[in-house]
Amino acid sequence: MKPKTIIIAVLLAIVAIVLFNNKEESSFWFFGDIRTSKLLILGVFFLIGVITGGIIFRRKKAHPKEYGVTNPNTPIAPTPLDEHPYSPSNLSDEDREYIRRD
């Protein structure tokens, strides 16, 4: 048997022992006074906890091993340095003066 199966079986056995040792009647307030067995109350809250834990700690989908490129846009060809909008040859005299002062 796998260790995970053994741990789950032991935990379920402990839950069963705790539940069946609490058979006496108890009052429970939930929008009014309800008189019911502790067995029912503990069992319902245990199930709510298991469901909540399953939702919170569920495994996420695995990432794909390979990523494909699905970009429909064509890449823009790089411009030569002289044609770049910020190249020194495209600067105005004011801009050159400002940079020179730095």
N, C-alpha and C. Protein backbone atom coordinates (compact mmCIF):
# COMPACT_ATOMS: atom_id res chain seq x y z
N MET A 1 0.84 -1.19 0.00
CA MET A 1 0.00 0.00 0.00
C MET A 1 0.88 1.25 0.00
N LYS A 2 0.35 2.27 -0.60
CA LYS A 2 1.07 3.53 -0.65
C LYS A 2 0.93 4.25 0.69
N PRO A 3 1.92 5.04 1.08
CA PRO A 3 1.83 5.78 2.35
C PRO A 3 0.63 6.72 2.42
N LYS A 4 0.29 7.32 1.29
CA LYS A 4 -0.85 8.25 1.26
C LYS A 4 -2.15 7.50 1.61
N THR A 5 -2.32 6.29 1.08
CA THR A 5 -3.51 5.49 1.35
C THR A 5 -3.57 5.10 2.83
N ILE A 6 -2.43 4.75 3.40
CA ILE A 6 -2.38 4.37 4.82
C ILE A 6 -2.75 5.56 5.70
N ILE A 7 -2.21 6.74 5.39
CA ILE A 7 -2.49 7.94 6.19
C ILE A 7 -3.98 8.28 6.11
N ILE A 8 -4.55 8.21 4.93
CA ILE A 8 -5.98 8.51 4.78
C ILE A 8 -6.83 7.51 5.55
N ALA A 9 -6.46 6.22 5.50
CA ALA A 9 -7.21 5.20 6.23
C ALA A 9 -7.14 5.42 7.74
N VAL A 10 -5.97 5.77 8.25
CA VAL A 10 -5.82 6.03 9.70
C VAL A 10 -6.63 7.26 10.10
N LEU A 11 -6.58 8.32 9.30
CA LEU A 11 -7.36 9.52 9.63
C LEU A 11 -8.86 9.25 9.61
N LEU A 12 -9.34 8.48 8.64
CA LEU A 12 -10.76 8.14 8.59
C LEU A 12 -11.17 7.27 9.78
N ALA A 13 -10.28 6.37 10.21
CA ALA A 13 -10.57 5.55 11.39
C ALA A 13 -10.68 6.42 12.64
N ILE A 14 -9.78 7.39 12.78
CA ILE A 14 -9.83 8.30 13.94
C ILE A 14 -11.12 9.13 13.90
N VAL A 15 -11.51 9.60 12.71
CA VAL A 15 -12.75 10.37 12.57
C VAL A 15 -13.94 9.51 12.97
N ALA A 16 -13.97 8.25 12.54
CA ALA A 16 -15.09 7.36 12.87
C ALA A 16 -15.16 7.12 14.38
N ILE A 17 -14.02 6.93 15.02
CA ILE A 17 -14.00 6.73 16.48
C ILE A 17 -14.53 7.96 17.20
N VAL A 18 -14.07 9.14 16.80
CA VAL A 18 -14.52 10.38 17.44
C VAL A 18 -16.02 10.58 17.22
N LEU A 19 -16.49 10.33 16.01
CA LEU A 19 -17.90 10.53 15.72
C LEU A 19 -18.79 9.59 16.54
N PHE A 20 -18.45 8.31 16.59
CA PHE A 20 -19.32 7.36 17.27
C PHE A 20 -19.18 7.37 18.78
N ASN A 21 -18.22 8.11 19.32
CA ASN A 21 -18.15 8.30 20.77
C ASN A 21 -18.91 9.55 21.20
N ASN A 22 -19.51 10.25 20.29
CA ASN A 22 -20.28 11.46 20.59
C ASN A 22 -21.71 11.30 20.09
N LYS A 23 -22.44 10.37 20.69
CA LYS A 23 -23.80 10.09 20.25
C LYS A 23 -24.86 10.88 21.02
N GLU A 24 -24.51 11.48 22.14
CA GLU A 24 -25.51 12.14 22.97
C GLU A 24 -26.12 13.34 22.27
N GLU A 25 -27.27 13.73 22.74
CA GLU A 25 -28.01 14.83 22.13
C GLU A 25 -27.39 16.16 22.56
N SER A 26 -27.44 17.11 21.67
CA SER A 26 -26.86 18.42 21.94
C SER A 26 -27.71 19.47 21.25
N SER A 27 -27.66 20.68 21.79
CA SER A 27 -28.39 21.77 21.12
C SER A 27 -27.39 22.55 20.28
N PHE A 28 -27.85 22.95 19.14
CA PHE A 28 -27.00 23.64 18.18
C PHE A 28 -27.77 24.85 17.68
N TRP A 29 -27.13 26.01 17.73
CA TRP A 29 -27.82 27.22 17.29
C TRP A 29 -27.41 27.51 15.86
N PHE A 30 -28.39 27.48 14.99
CA PHE A 30 -28.20 27.89 13.60
C PHE A 30 -29.53 28.45 13.14
N PHE A 31 -29.70 29.77 13.29
CA PHE A 31 -30.95 30.46 13.01
C PHE A 31 -32.10 29.83 13.78
N GLY A 32 -31.85 29.52 15.00
CA GLY A 32 -32.85 28.89 15.86
C GLY A 32 -32.18 27.76 16.63
N ASP A 33 -32.80 27.31 17.69
CA ASP A 33 -32.23 26.26 18.52
C ASP A 33 -32.60 24.89 17.94
N ILE A 34 -31.60 24.13 17.53
CA ILE A 34 -31.82 22.79 16.96
C ILE A 34 -31.25 21.78 17.93
N ARG A 35 -32.03 20.80 18.31
CA ARG A 35 -31.56 19.72 19.18
C ARG A 35 -31.34 18.48 18.32
N THR A 36 -30.08 18.08 18.27
CA THR A 36 -29.72 16.94 17.43
C THR A 36 -28.51 16.22 18.03
N SER A 37 -28.13 15.14 17.44
CA SER A 37 -27.00 14.34 17.90
C SER A 37 -25.68 15.04 17.58
N LYS A 38 -24.71 14.88 18.49
CA LYS A 38 -23.38 15.43 18.22
C LYS A 38 -22.76 14.71 17.02
N LEU A 39 -23.13 13.47 16.83
CA LEU A 39 -22.64 12.69 15.70
C LEU A 39 -22.98 13.39 14.38
N LEU A 40 -24.21 13.82 14.26
CA LEU A 40 -24.65 14.50 13.05
C LEU A 40 -23.94 15.85 12.88
N ILE A 41 -23.83 16.60 13.95
CA ILE A 41 -23.18 17.92 13.88
C ILE A 41 -21.72 17.78 13.47
N LEU A 42 -20.99 16.88 14.16
CA LEU A 42 -19.57 16.70 13.84
C LEU A 42 -19.38 16.16 12.43
N GLY A 43 -20.23 15.24 12.02
CA GLY A 43 -20.12 14.67 10.68
C GLY A 43 -20.35 15.70 9.59
N VAL A 44 -21.36 16.55 9.77
CA VAL A 44 -21.65 17.59 8.78
C VAL A 44 -20.49 18.58 8.69
N PHE A 45 -19.97 19.00 9.84
CA PHE A 45 -18.87 19.96 9.80
C PHE A 45 -17.59 19.33 9.26
N PHE A 46 -17.38 18.03 9.51
CA PHE A 46 -16.23 17.35 8.92
C PHE A 46 -16.34 17.34 7.39
N LEU A 47 -17.52 17.02 6.87
CA LEU A 47 -17.71 17.01 5.42
C LEU A 47 -17.54 18.39 4.81
N ILE A 48 -18.05 19.41 5.50
CA ILE A 48 -17.87 20.78 5.01
C ILE A 48 -16.38 21.13 4.97
N GLY A 49 -15.64 20.71 5.98
CA GLY A 49 -14.19 20.96 6.00
C GLY A 49 -13.45 20.23 4.90
N VAL A 50 -13.83 18.99 4.63
CA VAL A 50 -13.19 18.23 3.56
C VAL A 50 -13.47 18.86 2.20
N ILE A 51 -14.70 19.26 1.97
CA ILE A 51 -15.05 19.89 0.70
C ILE A 51 -14.32 21.22 0.53
N THR A 52 -14.30 22.03 1.60
CA THR A 52 -13.60 23.32 1.54
C THR A 52 -12.11 23.13 1.29
N GLY A 53 -11.49 22.18 2.00
CA GLY A 53 -10.07 21.90 1.79
C GLY A 53 -9.78 21.40 0.39
N GLY A 54 -10.69 20.58 -0.15
CA GLY A 54 -10.51 20.11 -1.52
C GLY A 54 -10.57 21.23 -2.53
N ILE A 55 -11.44 22.18 -2.30
CA ILE A 55 -11.55 23.32 -3.23
C ILE A 55 -10.33 24.23 -3.11
N ILE A 56 -9.91 24.52 -1.89
CA ILE A 56 -8.80 25.45 -1.68
C ILE A 56 -7.47 24.86 -2.14
N PHE A 57 -7.22 23.57 -1.84
CA PHE A 57 -5.92 22.97 -2.10
C PHE A 57 -5.91 22.06 -3.32
N ARG A 58 -6.83 22.25 -4.26
CA ARG A 58 -6.83 21.41 -5.45
C ARG A 58 -5.61 21.73 -6.30
N ARG A 59 -5.22 20.75 -7.08
CA ARG A 59 -4.04 20.93 -7.93
C ARG A 59 -4.40 21.80 -9.11
N LYS A 60 -3.48 22.64 -9.46
CA LYS A 60 -3.67 23.51 -10.61
C LYS A 60 -3.28 22.74 -11.87
N LYS A 61 -3.77 23.19 -13.02
CA LYS A 61 -3.40 22.56 -14.28
C LYS A 61 -1.91 22.76 -14.52
N ALA A 62 -1.27 21.75 -15.06
CA ALA A 62 0.16 21.84 -15.34
C ALA A 62 0.41 22.78 -16.51
N HIS A 63 1.54 23.46 -16.45
CA HIS A 63 1.92 24.34 -17.55
C HIS A 63 2.30 23.49 -18.74
N PRO A 64 2.06 23.97 -19.94
CA PRO A 64 2.46 23.19 -21.12
C PRO A 64 3.98 23.07 -21.19
N LYS A 65 4.45 21.95 -21.71
CA LYS A 65 5.89 21.74 -21.78
C LYS A 65 6.53 22.59 -22.87
N GLU A 66 5.76 22.88 -23.91
CA GLU A 66 6.28 23.72 -24.99
C GLU A 66 5.31 24.87 -25.21
N TYR A 67 5.86 26.02 -25.44
CA TYR A 67 5.04 27.19 -25.71
C TYR A 67 5.16 27.52 -27.19
N GLY A 68 4.04 27.75 -27.82
CA GLY A 68 4.04 28.13 -29.22
C GLY A 68 3.79 29.61 -29.37
N VAL A 69 4.28 30.17 -30.46
CA VAL A 69 4.08 31.58 -30.73
C VAL A 69 2.82 31.72 -31.57
N THR A 70 1.86 32.48 -31.07
CA THR A 70 0.61 32.66 -31.80
C THR A 70 0.35 34.12 -32.08
N ASN A 71 1.40 34.91 -32.20
CA ASN A 71 1.26 36.33 -32.45
C ASN A 71 1.01 36.57 -33.94
N PRO A 72 -0.16 37.10 -34.31
CA PRO A 72 -0.44 37.30 -35.73
C PRO A 72 0.25 38.53 -36.32
N ASN A 73 0.80 39.40 -35.47
CA ASN A 73 1.44 40.62 -35.95
C ASN A 73 2.83 40.31 -36.49
N THR A 74 3.18 40.96 -37.57
CA THR A 74 4.51 40.77 -38.12
C THR A 74 5.49 41.64 -37.35
N PRO A 75 6.70 41.15 -37.15
CA PRO A 75 7.67 41.96 -36.39
C PRO A 75 8.11 43.19 -37.18
N ILE A 76 8.41 44.22 -36.45
CA ILE A 76 8.88 45.47 -37.06
C ILE A 76 10.37 45.34 -37.30
N ALA A 77 10.80 45.64 -38.49
CA ALA A 77 12.22 45.56 -38.82
C ALA A 77 12.97 46.66 -38.07
N PRO A 78 14.14 46.33 -37.53
CA PRO A 78 14.90 47.36 -36.81
C PRO A 78 15.39 48.45 -37.78
N THR A 79 15.36 49.67 -37.30
CA THR A 79 15.80 50.79 -38.14
C THR A 79 17.28 51.02 -37.94
N PRO A 80 17.97 51.46 -38.95
CA PRO A 80 19.39 51.78 -38.77
C PRO A 80 19.55 52.90 -37.75
N LEU A 81 20.73 52.98 -37.19
CA LEU A 81 20.99 53.95 -36.12
C LEU A 81 20.76 55.39 -36.58
N ASP A 82 21.08 55.70 -37.83
CA ASP A 82 20.90 57.07 -38.32
C ASP A 82 19.43 57.45 -38.45
N GLU A 83 18.56 56.48 -38.68
CA GLU A 83 17.14 56.77 -38.85
C GLU A 83 16.37 56.71 -37.54
N HIS A 84 17.02 56.31 -36.48
CA HIS A 84 16.34 56.20 -35.19
C HIS A 84 15.91 57.59 -34.73
N PRO A 85 14.69 57.73 -34.18
CA PRO A 85 14.21 59.07 -33.80
C PRO A 85 15.05 59.75 -32.74
N TYR A 86 15.79 58.98 -31.94
CA TYR A 86 16.58 59.61 -30.88
C TYR A 86 18.07 59.63 -31.19
N SER A 87 18.43 59.39 -32.42
CA SER A 87 19.85 59.42 -32.76
C SER A 87 20.34 60.87 -32.71
N PRO A 88 21.63 61.08 -32.48
CA PRO A 88 22.16 62.45 -32.36
C PRO A 88 21.96 63.30 -33.61
N SER A 89 21.88 62.66 -34.76
CA SER A 89 21.71 63.46 -35.98
C SER A 89 20.28 64.01 -36.10
N ASN A 90 19.32 63.43 -35.41
CA ASN A 90 17.93 63.90 -35.48
C ASN A 90 17.59 64.89 -34.37
N LEU A 91 18.54 65.25 -33.54
CA LEU A 91 18.27 66.18 -32.44
C LEU A 91 18.29 67.62 -32.94
N SER A 92 17.48 68.45 -32.31
CA SER A 92 17.51 69.87 -32.65
C SER A 92 18.68 70.53 -31.94
N ASP A 93 18.95 71.78 -32.31
CA ASP A 93 20.05 72.51 -31.68
C ASP A 93 19.79 72.71 -30.19
N GLU A 94 18.52 72.96 -29.82
CA GLU A 94 18.19 73.13 -28.40
C GLU A 94 18.48 71.86 -27.61
N ASP A 95 18.13 70.72 -28.20
CA ASP A 95 18.37 69.46 -27.51
C ASP A 95 19.86 69.19 -27.34
N ARG A 96 20.61 69.47 -28.36
CA ARG A 96 22.07 69.27 -28.28
C ARG A 96 22.66 70.18 -27.20
N GLU A 97 22.17 71.40 -27.12
CA GLU A 97 22.67 72.35 -26.10
C GLU A 97 22.32 71.85 -24.70
N TYR A 98 21.11 71.32 -24.54
CA TYR A 98 20.67 70.80 -23.23
C TYR A 98 21.53 69.60 -22.81
N ILE A 99 21.80 68.73 -23.77
CA ILE A 99 22.62 67.54 -23.44
C ILE A 99 24.06 67.97 -23.15
N ARG A 100 24.56 68.94 -23.85
CA ARG A 100 25.91 69.40 -23.64
C ARG A 100 26.09 69.97 -22.24
N ARG A 101 25.04 70.60 -21.69
CA ARG A 101 25.14 71.18 -20.34
C ARG A 101 25.18 70.12 -19.25
N ASP A 102 24.70 68.93 -19.53
CA ASP A 102 24.76 67.85 -18.54
C ASP A 102 26.17 67.45 -18.39
